[in-house]
Structures are given as C-alpha cells and as structure tokens.
C-alpha atoms as a PDB file:
ATOM      1  CA  MET A   1       5.958  77.328-105.460  1.00  0.00           C
ATOM      2  CA  PHE A   2       5.105  80.144-108.017  1.00  0.00           C
ATOM      3  CA  ASP A   3       5.699  83.815-107.791  1.00  0.00           C
ATOM      4  CA  PHE A   4       5.283  86.075-110.533  1.00  0.00           C
ATOM      5  CA  ARG A   5       4.867  89.383-108.830  1.00  0.00           C
ATOM      6  CA  GLY A   6       6.002  92.059-110.890  1.00  0.00           C
ATOM      7  CA  LYS A   7       6.264  89.957-114.056  1.00  0.00           C
ATOM      8  CA  LYS A   8       4.569  91.177-117.155  1.00  0.00           C
ATOM      9  CA  VAL A   9       2.909  88.412-119.342  1.00  0.00           C
ATOM     10  CA  PHE A  10       1.479  88.482-122.772  1.00  0.00           C
ATOM     11  CA  ILE A  11      -0.900  85.558-123.636  1.00  0.00           C
ATOM     12  CA  THR A  12      -2.523  85.117-127.077  1.00  0.00           C
ATOM     13  CA  GLY A  13      -6.157  83.546-126.967  1.00  0.00           C
ATOM     14  CA  GLY A  14      -6.365  84.063-123.395  1.00  0.00           C
ATOM     15  CA  THR A  15      -9.940  84.254-122.823  1.00  0.00           C
ATOM     16  CA  ARG A  16     -11.208  80.402-123.139  1.00  0.00           C
ATOM     17  CA  GLY A  17     -10.116  77.071-122.140  1.00  0.00           C
ATOM     18  CA  ILE A  18      -6.236  76.611-121.744  1.00  0.00           C
ATOM     19  CA  GLY A  19      -5.475  80.238-122.453  1.00  0.00           C
ATOM     20  CA  LYS A  20      -8.112  81.301-119.725  1.00  0.00           C
ATOM     21  CA  ALA A  21      -6.628  78.950-117.184  1.00  0.00           C
ATOM     22  CA  VAL A  22      -3.057  80.287-117.889  1.00  0.00           C
ATOM     23  CA  SER A  23      -4.312  83.957-117.395  1.00  0.00           C
ATOM     24  CA  GLU A  24      -5.921  83.175-114.198  1.00  0.00           C
ATOM     25  CA  LYS A  25      -2.964  81.205-112.812  1.00  0.00           C
ATOM     26  CA  PHE A  26      -0.337  84.055-113.792  1.00  0.00           C
ATOM     27  CA  ALA A  27      -3.003  86.771-112.275  1.00  0.00           C
ATOM     28  CA  LYS A  28      -3.591  84.875-109.002  1.00  0.00           C
ATOM     29  CA  HIS A  29       0.379  84.456-108.536  1.00  0.00           C
ATOM     30  CA  GLY A  30       1.127  88.216-109.060  1.00  0.00           C
ATOM     31  CA  ALA A  31       1.593  88.822-112.710  1.00  0.00           C
ATOM     32  CA  ASP A  32       0.308  91.718-114.784  1.00  0.00           C
ATOM     33  CA  ILE A  33      -1.454  90.222-117.769  1.00  0.00           C
ATOM     34  CA  ALA A  34      -2.307  91.401-121.345  1.00  0.00           C
ATOM     35  CA  ILE A  35      -4.434  88.781-123.070  1.00  0.00           C
ATOM     36  CA  THR A  36      -5.580  88.800-126.733  1.00  0.00           C
ATOM     37  CA  TYR A  37      -8.984  87.660-128.131  1.00  0.00           C
ATOM     38  CA  PHE A  38     -10.302  87.336-131.590  1.00  0.00           C
ATOM     39  CA  LYS A  39     -13.811  88.132-131.517  1.00  0.00           C
ATOM     40  CA  GLU A  40     -15.325  87.752-128.352  1.00  0.00           C
ATOM     41  CA  LYS A  41     -14.673  91.195-126.568  1.00  0.00           C
ATOM     42  CA  ILE A  42     -17.350  90.863-123.910  1.00  0.00           C
ATOM     43  CA  LEU A  43     -15.770  87.684-122.796  1.00  0.00           C
ATOM     44  CA  ALA A  44     -12.327  89.065-122.829  1.00  0.00           C
ATOM     45  CA  LYS A  45     -13.394  92.221-120.842  1.00  0.00           C
ATOM     46  CA  ASN A  46     -15.341  89.772-118.275  1.00  0.00           C
ATOM     47  CA  LEU A  47     -12.213  87.756-117.627  1.00  0.00           C
ATOM     48  CA  ILE A  48     -10.000  90.740-117.095  1.00  0.00           C
ATOM     49  CA  ASN A  49     -12.365  92.126-114.600  1.00  0.00           C
ATOM     50  CA  SER A  50     -12.442  88.977-112.735  1.00  0.00           C
ATOM     51  CA  LEU A  51      -8.702  88.320-112.425  1.00  0.00           C
ATOM     52  CA  SER A  52      -6.719  88.909-109.263  1.00  0.00           C
ATOM     53  CA  GLY A  53      -4.935  92.064-109.317  1.00  0.00           C
ATOM     54  CA  SER A  54      -5.701  95.210-111.349  1.00  0.00           C
ATOM     55  CA  ASN A  55      -3.009  95.903-114.050  1.00  0.00           C
ATOM     56  CA  HIS A  56      -4.735  93.839-116.644  1.00  0.00           C
ATOM     57  CA  ASN A  57      -5.953  94.566-120.094  1.00  0.00           C
ATOM     58  CA  CYS A  58      -7.212  92.694-123.326  1.00  0.00           C
ATOM     59  CA  PHE A  59      -6.402  93.480-126.891  1.00  0.00           C
ATOM     60  CA  GLN A  60      -8.207  92.280-130.158  1.00  0.00           C
ATOM     61  CA  LEU A  61      -5.986  90.346-132.331  1.00  0.00           C
ATOM     62  CA  ASP A  62      -5.917  88.391-135.626  1.00  0.00           C
ATOM     63  CA  ILE A  63      -2.764  86.431-134.904  1.00  0.00           C
ATOM     64  CA  SER A  64      -2.626  85.571-138.812  1.00  0.00           C
ATOM     65  CA  ASP A  65      -2.211  89.358-139.646  1.00  0.00           C
ATOM     66  CA  LYS A  66       1.482  90.231-139.287  1.00  0.00           C
ATOM     67  CA  ASP A  67       0.860  94.084-138.714  1.00  0.00           C
ATOM     68  CA  GLN A  68      -1.624  93.349-135.960  1.00  0.00           C
ATOM     69  CA  VAL A  69       0.939  91.069-134.227  1.00  0.00           C
ATOM     70  CA  GLN A  70       3.518  93.728-133.978  1.00  0.00           C
ATOM     71  CA  ASN A  71       1.092  96.660-133.150  1.00  0.00           C
ATOM     72  CA  THR A  72      -0.688  94.555-130.301  1.00  0.00           C
ATOM     73  CA  ILE A  73       2.824  93.457-128.779  1.00  0.00           C
ATOM     74  CA  ASP A  74       3.909  97.015-128.788  1.00  0.00           C
ATOM     75  CA  ASP A  75       0.533  98.143-127.214  1.00  0.00           C
ATOM     76  CA  ALA A  76       0.730  95.294-124.711  1.00  0.00           C
ATOM     77  CA  ILE A  77       4.436  96.418-123.527  1.00  0.00           C
ATOM     78  CA  SER A  78       3.419 100.201-123.409  1.00  0.00           C
ATOM     79  CA  PHE A  79       0.284  99.132-121.145  1.00  0.00           C
ATOM     80  CA  LEU A  80       2.120  96.913-118.962  1.00  0.00           C
ATOM     81  CA  GLY A  81       5.314  98.574-118.779  1.00  0.00           C
ATOM     82  CA  GLY A  82       7.376  96.011-120.150  1.00  0.00           C
ATOM     83  CA  LEU A  83       7.256  92.394-120.880  1.00  0.00           C
ATOM     84  CA  ASP A  84       8.979  89.139-119.383  1.00  0.00           C
ATOM     85  CA  ILE A  85       6.835  86.162-120.381  1.00  0.00           C
ATOM     86  CA  VAL A  86       5.049  85.301-123.818  1.00  0.00           C
ATOM     87  CA  ILE A  87       2.516  82.508-123.981  1.00  0.00           C
ATOM     88  CA  ASN A  88       1.792  81.733-127.553  1.00  0.00           C
ATOM     89  CA  ASN A  89      -1.605  80.054-126.958  1.00  0.00           C
ATOM     90  CA  ALA A  90      -3.958  81.088-129.752  1.00  0.00           C
ATOM     91  CA  GLY A  91      -4.812  78.597-132.542  1.00  0.00           C
ATOM     92  CA  ILE A  92      -7.433  76.917-134.605  1.00  0.00           C
ATOM     93  CA  PHE A  93      -8.739  73.372-135.506  1.00  0.00           C
ATOM     94  CA  ILE A  94     -10.125  72.695-139.011  1.00  0.00           C
ATOM     95  CA  ASP A  95     -11.631  69.238-139.878  1.00  0.00           C
ATOM     96  CA  HIS A  96     -10.623  68.421-143.547  1.00  0.00           C
ATOM     97  CA  PRO A  97     -10.464  64.770-144.124  1.00  0.00           C
ATOM     98  CA  ILE A  98      -8.570  64.336-147.412  1.00  0.00           C
ATOM     99  CA  PHE A  99     -11.338  62.451-149.420  1.00  0.00           C
ATOM    100  CA  GLU A 100     -14.301  64.387-147.939  1.00  0.00           C
ATOM    101  CA  VAL A 101     -13.569  67.907-148.856  1.00  0.00           C
ATOM    102  CA  THR A 102     -13.137  69.770-152.172  1.00  0.00           C
ATOM    103  CA  TYR A 103      -9.586  70.891-153.190  1.00  0.00           C
ATOM    104  CA  ASP A 104     -10.414  74.493-152.632  1.00  0.00           C
ATOM    105  CA  ASP A 105     -11.703  73.599-149.084  1.00  0.00           C
ATOM    106  CA  TRP A 106      -8.452  71.636-148.630  1.00  0.00           C
ATOM    107  CA  GLN A 107      -6.430  74.550-149.590  1.00  0.00           C
ATOM    108  CA  ASP A 108      -8.248  77.060-147.492  1.00  0.00           C
ATOM    109  CA  SER A 109      -7.940  74.706-144.573  1.00  0.00           C
ATOM    110  CA  TRP A 110      -3.910  74.420-144.989  1.00  0.00           C
ATOM    111  CA  HIS A 111      -3.612  78.088-145.297  1.00  0.00           C
ATOM    112  CA  SER A 112      -5.836  79.250-142.471  1.00  0.00           C
ATOM    113  CA  THR A 113      -4.256  76.770-140.015  1.00  0.00           C
ATOM    114  CA  LEU A 114      -0.622  77.407-140.929  1.00  0.00           C
ATOM    115  CA  GLU A 115      -1.223  81.191-140.949  1.00  0.00           C
ATOM    116  CA  THR A 116      -2.778  80.882-137.535  1.00  0.00           C
ATOM    117  CA  ASN A 117      -0.916  78.123-135.817  1.00  0.00           C
ATOM    118  CA  LEU A 118       2.520  78.636-137.024  1.00  0.00           C
ATOM    119  CA  ILE A 119       3.354  81.783-138.989  1.00  0.00           C
ATOM    120  CA  GLY A 120       1.264  83.863-136.322  1.00  0.00           C
ATOM    121  CA  PRO A 121       3.228  82.388-133.329  1.00  0.00           C
ATOM    122  CA  ALA A 122       6.610  82.884-135.512  1.00  0.00           C
ATOM    123  CA  ASN A 123       5.622  86.452-135.960  1.00  0.00           C
ATOM    124  CA  VAL A 124       5.158  86.854-132.091  1.00  0.00           C
ATOM    125  CA  CYS A 125       8.396  85.264-131.444  1.00  0.00           C
ATOM    126  CA  TYR A 126       9.912  87.704-133.865  1.00  0.00           C
ATOM    127  CA  PHE A 127       8.816  90.769-132.034  1.00  0.00           C
ATOM    128  CA  ALA A 128       8.770  89.595-128.582  1.00  0.00           C
ATOM    129  CA  GLY A 129      12.452  88.281-129.047  1.00  0.00           C
ATOM    130  CA  SER A 130      13.356  91.355-130.521  1.00  0.00           C
ATOM    131  CA  TYR A 131      12.371  93.119-127.359  1.00  0.00           C
ATOM    132  CA  PHE A 132      13.533  90.328-125.076  1.00  0.00           C
ATOM    133  CA  LYS A 133      17.099  90.861-126.893  1.00  0.00           C
ATOM    134  CA  LYS A 134      17.407  94.523-125.942  1.00  0.00           C
ATOM    135  CA  LYS A 135      16.465  93.565-122.443  1.00  0.00           C
ATOM    136  CA  LYS A 136      18.823  90.656-122.320  1.00  0.00           C
ATOM    137  CA  LYS A 137      16.122  88.345-120.771  1.00  0.00           C
ATOM    138  CA  GLY A 138      12.668  86.624-121.546  1.00  0.00           C
ATOM    139  CA  LYS A 139      10.807  83.598-121.945  1.00  0.00           C
ATOM    140  CA  ILE A 140       8.366  82.389-124.598  1.00  0.00           C
ATOM    141  CA  ILE A 141       6.366  79.410-124.185  1.00  0.00           C
ATOM    142  CA  ASN A 142       4.461  77.822-127.184  1.00  0.00           C
ATOM    143  CA  ILE A 143       1.288  75.801-126.627  1.00  0.00           C
ATOM    144  CA  SER A 144       1.706  72.874-129.058  1.00  0.00           C
ATOM    145  CA  SER A 145      -0.136  69.450-129.130  1.00  0.00           C
ATOM    146  CA  ARG A 146      -0.175  65.592-129.034  1.00  0.00           C
ATOM    147  CA  GLY A 147      -1.252  65.977-132.755  1.00  0.00           C
ATOM    148  CA  ALA A 148       2.280  67.170-133.559  1.00  0.00           C
ATOM    149  CA  ASN A 149       3.717  63.504-133.164  1.00  0.00           C
ATOM    150  CA  ARG A 150       0.357  61.262-132.760  1.00  0.00           C
ATOM    151  CA  GLY A 151      -0.960  62.645-135.968  1.00  0.00           C
ATOM    152  CA  GLU A 152      -4.657  64.265-136.939  1.00  0.00           C
ATOM    153  CA  PRO A 153      -6.099  62.109-139.685  1.00  0.00           C
ATOM    154  CA  THR A 154      -9.124  64.487-140.095  1.00  0.00           C
ATOM    155  CA  ALA A 155      -7.120  67.663-139.459  1.00  0.00           C
ATOM    156  CA  PRO A 156      -3.723  67.010-141.075  1.00  0.00           C
ATOM    157  CA  ALA A 157      -2.778  70.789-141.435  1.00  0.00           C
ATOM    158  CA  TYR A 158      -3.439  71.136-137.629  1.00  0.00           C
ATOM    159  CA  GLY A 159      -0.970  68.277-136.904  1.00  0.00           C
ATOM    160  CA  ALA A 160       1.647  69.819-139.281  1.00  0.00           C
ATOM    161  CA  SER A 161       1.222  73.366-137.901  1.00  0.00           C
ATOM    162  CA  LYS A 162       1.794  72.014-134.445  1.00  0.00           C
ATOM    163  CA  ALA A 163       4.858  69.863-135.535  1.00  0.00           C
ATOM    164  CA  GLY A 164       6.197  73.061-137.256  1.00  0.00           C
ATOM    165  CA  LEU A 165       5.757  75.051-134.039  1.00  0.00           C
ATOM    166  CA  ASN A 166       7.646  72.287-131.968  1.00  0.00           C
ATOM    167  CA  ALA A 167      10.521  72.625-134.665  1.00  0.00           C
ATOM    168  CA  LEU A 168      10.326  76.215-134.632  1.00  0.00           C
ATOM    169  CA  SER A 169      10.290  76.387-130.799  1.00  0.00           C
ATOM    170  CA  GLN A 170      13.741  74.271-130.689  1.00  0.00           C
ATOM    171  CA  SER A 171      15.454  75.945-133.462  1.00  0.00           C
ATOM    172  CA  LEU A 172      14.650  79.372-131.557  1.00  0.00           C
ATOM    173  CA  ALA A 173      15.859  78.095-128.396  1.00  0.00           C
ATOM    174  CA  ILE A 174      19.220  77.420-129.936  1.00  0.00           C
ATOM    175  CA  ALA A 175      19.284  80.900-131.770  1.00  0.00           C
ATOM    176  CA  LEU A 176      18.099  82.820-128.533  1.00  0.00           C
ATOM    177  CA  ALA A 177      19.994  81.131-125.835  1.00  0.00           C
ATOM    178  CA  PRO A 178      22.926  83.598-126.281  1.00  0.00           C
ATOM    179  CA  TYR A 179      20.503  86.482-125.456  1.00  0.00           C
ATOM    180  CA  ASN A 180      19.243  84.784-122.291  1.00  0.00           C
ATOM    181  CA  ILE A 181      15.836  84.152-123.963  1.00  0.00           C
ATOM    182  CA  PHE A 182      14.136  80.927-123.032  1.00  0.00           C
ATOM    183  CA  VAL A 183      11.863  78.994-125.583  1.00  0.00           C
ATOM    184  CA  GLY A 184       9.830  76.108-124.420  1.00  0.00           C
ATOM    185  CA  VAL A 185       6.735  74.146-125.490  1.00  0.00           C
ATOM    186  CA  VAL A 186       3.791  72.378-123.750  1.00  0.00           C
ATOM    187  CA  ALA A 187       2.059  69.951-125.850  1.00  0.00           C
ATOM    188  CA  PRO A 188      -1.347  68.733-124.421  1.00  0.00           C
ATOM    189  CA  GLY A 189      -3.434  65.915-125.352  1.00  0.00           C
ATOM    190  CA  PHE A 190      -7.184  66.360-125.250  1.00  0.00           C
ATOM    191  CA  VAL A 191      -8.514  68.675-122.756  1.00  0.00           C
ATOM    192  CA  GLU A 192     -11.822  69.388-121.494  1.00  0.00           C
ATOM    193  CA  THR A 193     -12.743  72.750-122.369  1.00  0.00           C
ATOM    194  CA  ASP A 194     -16.334  74.432-123.380  1.00  0.00           C
ATOM    195  CA  MET A 195     -15.238  73.865-127.067  1.00  0.00           C
ATOM    196  CA  THR A 196     -14.708  70.095-126.398  1.00  0.00           C
ATOM    197  CA  ALA A 197     -17.775  69.701-124.339  1.00  0.00           C
ATOM    198  CA  GLU A 198     -19.934  68.625-126.992  1.00  0.00           C
ATOM    199  CA  ILE A 199     -17.706  65.700-128.240  1.00  0.00           C
ATOM    200  CA  LEU A 200     -16.906  64.555-124.899  1.00  0.00           C
ATOM    201  CA  SER A 201     -20.575  64.298-124.065  1.00  0.00           C
ATOM    202  CA  SER A 202     -21.266  62.340-127.327  1.00  0.00           C
ATOM    203  CA  SER A 203     -20.712  58.587-128.103  1.00  0.00           C
ATOM    204  CA  LYS A 204     -17.205  59.426-128.863  1.00  0.00           C
ATOM    205  CA  GLY A 205     -16.351  60.794-125.554  1.00  0.00           C
ATOM    206  CA  ASP A 206     -15.525  57.299-123.988  1.00  0.00           C
ATOM    207  CA  ILE A 207     -13.255  56.494-126.693  1.00  0.00           C
ATOM    208  CA  ILE A 208     -11.422  59.558-126.448  1.00  0.00           C
ATOM    209  CA  LYS A 209     -11.083  59.257-122.630  1.00  0.00           C
ATOM    210  CA  SER A 210      -9.987  55.502-123.043  1.00  0.00           C
ATOM    211  CA  GLN A 211      -7.058  56.937-125.003  1.00  0.00           C
ATOM    212  CA  SER A 212      -5.296  57.457-121.638  1.00  0.00           C
ATOM    213  CA  PRO A 213      -4.574  54.741-119.159  1.00  0.00           C
ATOM    214  CA  LEU A 214      -6.196  57.365-116.534  1.00  0.00           C
ATOM    215  CA  ASN A 215      -9.454  56.855-118.656  1.00  0.00           C
ATOM    216  CA  ARG A 216      -9.968  60.611-118.809  1.00  0.00           C
ATOM    217  CA  VAL A 217      -8.956  63.759-120.487  1.00  0.00           C
ATOM    218  CA  GLY A 218      -6.899  66.655-119.176  1.00  0.00           C
ATOM    219  CA  GLN A 219      -7.961  69.748-117.426  1.00  0.00           C
ATOM    220  CA  PRO A 220      -6.990  73.233-118.567  1.00  0.00           C
ATOM    221  CA  GLU A 221      -5.710  73.852-114.881  1.00  0.00           C
ATOM    222  CA  GLU A 222      -3.030  70.970-115.431  1.00  0.00           C
ATOM    223  CA  ILE A 223      -1.737  72.524-118.582  1.00  0.00           C
ATOM    224  CA  ALA A 224      -1.647  75.952-116.796  1.00  0.00           C
ATOM    225  CA  ASN A 225       0.327  74.330-114.193  1.00  0.00           C
ATOM    226  CA  ALA A 226       2.911  73.053-116.783  1.00  0.00           C
ATOM    227  CA  VAL A 227       3.120  76.371-118.361  1.00  0.00           C
ATOM    228  CA  MET A 228       3.774  78.053-114.946  1.00  0.00           C
ATOM    229  CA  MET A 229       6.513  75.470-114.488  1.00  0.00           C
ATOM    230  CA  MET A 230       8.292  76.485-117.447  1.00  0.00           C
ATOM    231  CA  ALA A 231       7.845  80.152-117.008  1.00  0.00           C
ATOM    232  CA  MET A 232       9.111  80.269-113.403  1.00  0.00           C
ATOM    233  CA  ASP A 233      12.544  81.468-112.507  1.00  0.00           C
ATOM    234  CA  GLY A 234      15.073  78.640-112.090  1.00  0.00           C
ATOM    235  CA  MET A 235      13.945  76.815-114.980  1.00  0.00           C
ATOM    236  CA  GLU A 236      16.132  78.537-117.652  1.00  0.00           C
ATOM    237  CA  TYR A 237      18.109  74.934-118.512  1.00  0.00           C
ATOM    238  CA  ALA A 238      14.942  73.600-119.694  1.00  0.00           C
ATOM    239  CA  THR A 239      14.949  75.759-122.919  1.00  0.00           C
ATOM    240  CA  GLY A 240      14.305  73.764-125.896  1.00  0.00           C
ATOM    241  CA  SER A 241      12.310  71.099-123.864  1.00  0.00           C
ATOM    242  CA  ILE A 242       8.762  69.907-125.016  1.00  0.00           C
ATOM    243  CA  ILE A 243       6.740  68.987-121.858  1.00  0.00           C
ATOM    244  CA  ASP A 244       4.253  66.264-123.338  1.00  0.00           C
ATOM    245  CA  LEU A 245       1.016  66.366-121.190  1.00  0.00           C
ATOM    246  CA  ASN A 246      -1.558  63.761-122.427  1.00  0.00           C
ATOM    247  CA  GLY A 247      -2.118  61.176-119.619  1.00  0.00           C
ATOM    248  CA  ALA A 248       0.325  58.749-121.364  1.00  0.00           C
ATOM    249  CA  SER A 249      -2.394  58.679-124.241  1.00  0.00           C
ATOM    250  CA  TYR A 250       0.697  58.973-126.857  1.00  0.00           C
ATOM    251  CA  LEU A 251       4.475  58.164-125.814  1.00  0.00           C
ATOM    252  CA  ARG A 252       7.447  58.932-127.805  1.00  0.00           C
END
C-alpha cells in the first residue's frame, strides 16, 4: 500500500514515541529521512543507524528558535537533495493547573508551550512551504491531539496550542492549495510510549484506558499508519482534513 521510494522526508521530534514510529515506517517503505532531536543525540544517532536504507541523518533543533528552524530545514534539504514531505511532530506537555501554580509559572508554561507546539510548527510550515512553492509540490502533516477539542484541564496551554495547530493547518490548506501543497493533521488520543509508560502503569492507567470503548490506548504504529496514509500519493483531495485517532474516546 505504501511506496515512498525516492521521497525525502523531514520529521521533527523523530527519535521517540510517535516520531520514532513515523521515522521507521517511512524508512521501511523506501524514503530518505532527516529527523530532528532536542537533546538526545545518542538516541537519535542510534535510531538513524537502525533505520532501513542508508540516506538518513539527524539534526539537533530547538523548534522554538526561529533561526534554528530555517537553518535546520536548509541543512536537511541539502543533505537529502530535496524535500517532499514534512511531519511536524515535536512538542511538549507541561502540567500547570490554574490554581496550583504561581502566576510566573503559569506564564512560563504558556510561553514555552505555544513557542514549541504552535509557533515552531508555523515556522517549519513557512520555510518548508516556501521551498514547496518553488517546487510546485509538497506535503505537510501536523501532529495535533485529542486535547485540541476534548480539553486539557491541567495543561490548558497544550490544548490551546493544539487547537491553534488545527486552525493553522486548515488555514494553510486553503492558502497553499493553489501551489499544489497539501496540508493535513493527525490528532491522536492517548498513546502508549516510553514517556507515558509511568502513568499507564499507575492507578490512573485503567481510567485512561477506559476512556475508549476499546479499553486501551493507541500504539505509535497506529498513528504512524495514519500519517503514512495522508502522505501517500493519491490523497491530495484530503487536504485540510483532521484525522481523529483516539479509539472513540472523544467524538465530534
């Protein structure tokens, strides 16, 4: 079903969880991969070395730094010899319940979250979109969240950032369609990764799983499959779509 031979793919936050699964899927199906990492260089290098194929590389990136975003995309394009698909996956989640944090912490949480989860991806879209405009073709897929609609009561900045990412994606889908640039969104619910393992194994785990009638959370490979489907040739009419992938734990 999937054939990405010759495709050049740029994935932010591509070393862990959903990003790792997406990286592995694209490489397995023939793509050349450039992934970004924030701090874990060894983890990123090990992943690159384990991927199918050989024309892959990793780049350190603080996605909240606009200059780094531009330089890293330029470096990835230079290494890959072009660019066809961008996956905006990097993001952060900060707990900041409104009446349990100081005002300074509240402000810091909002600033950090919006810079990383919304403004960073917006800058990636700008620079990748500018390249795709010259090429007259390209795909951008943004990883959002169930929290954009269901709400995140202990992390409202996260929910707001993902709601903003949905709106950004659909606005750009309209703006970039005349240039044959696709923009879509995959919005997962709770996903089992190394970062969620602790809470899933705690007393809260069963409660989280019971939110879905499947009585489980998602797997990174399931999210990767949805990303691959959006990225494949022949899905261009789905531009502007948001795929909710949450095991019917939230329906809208």
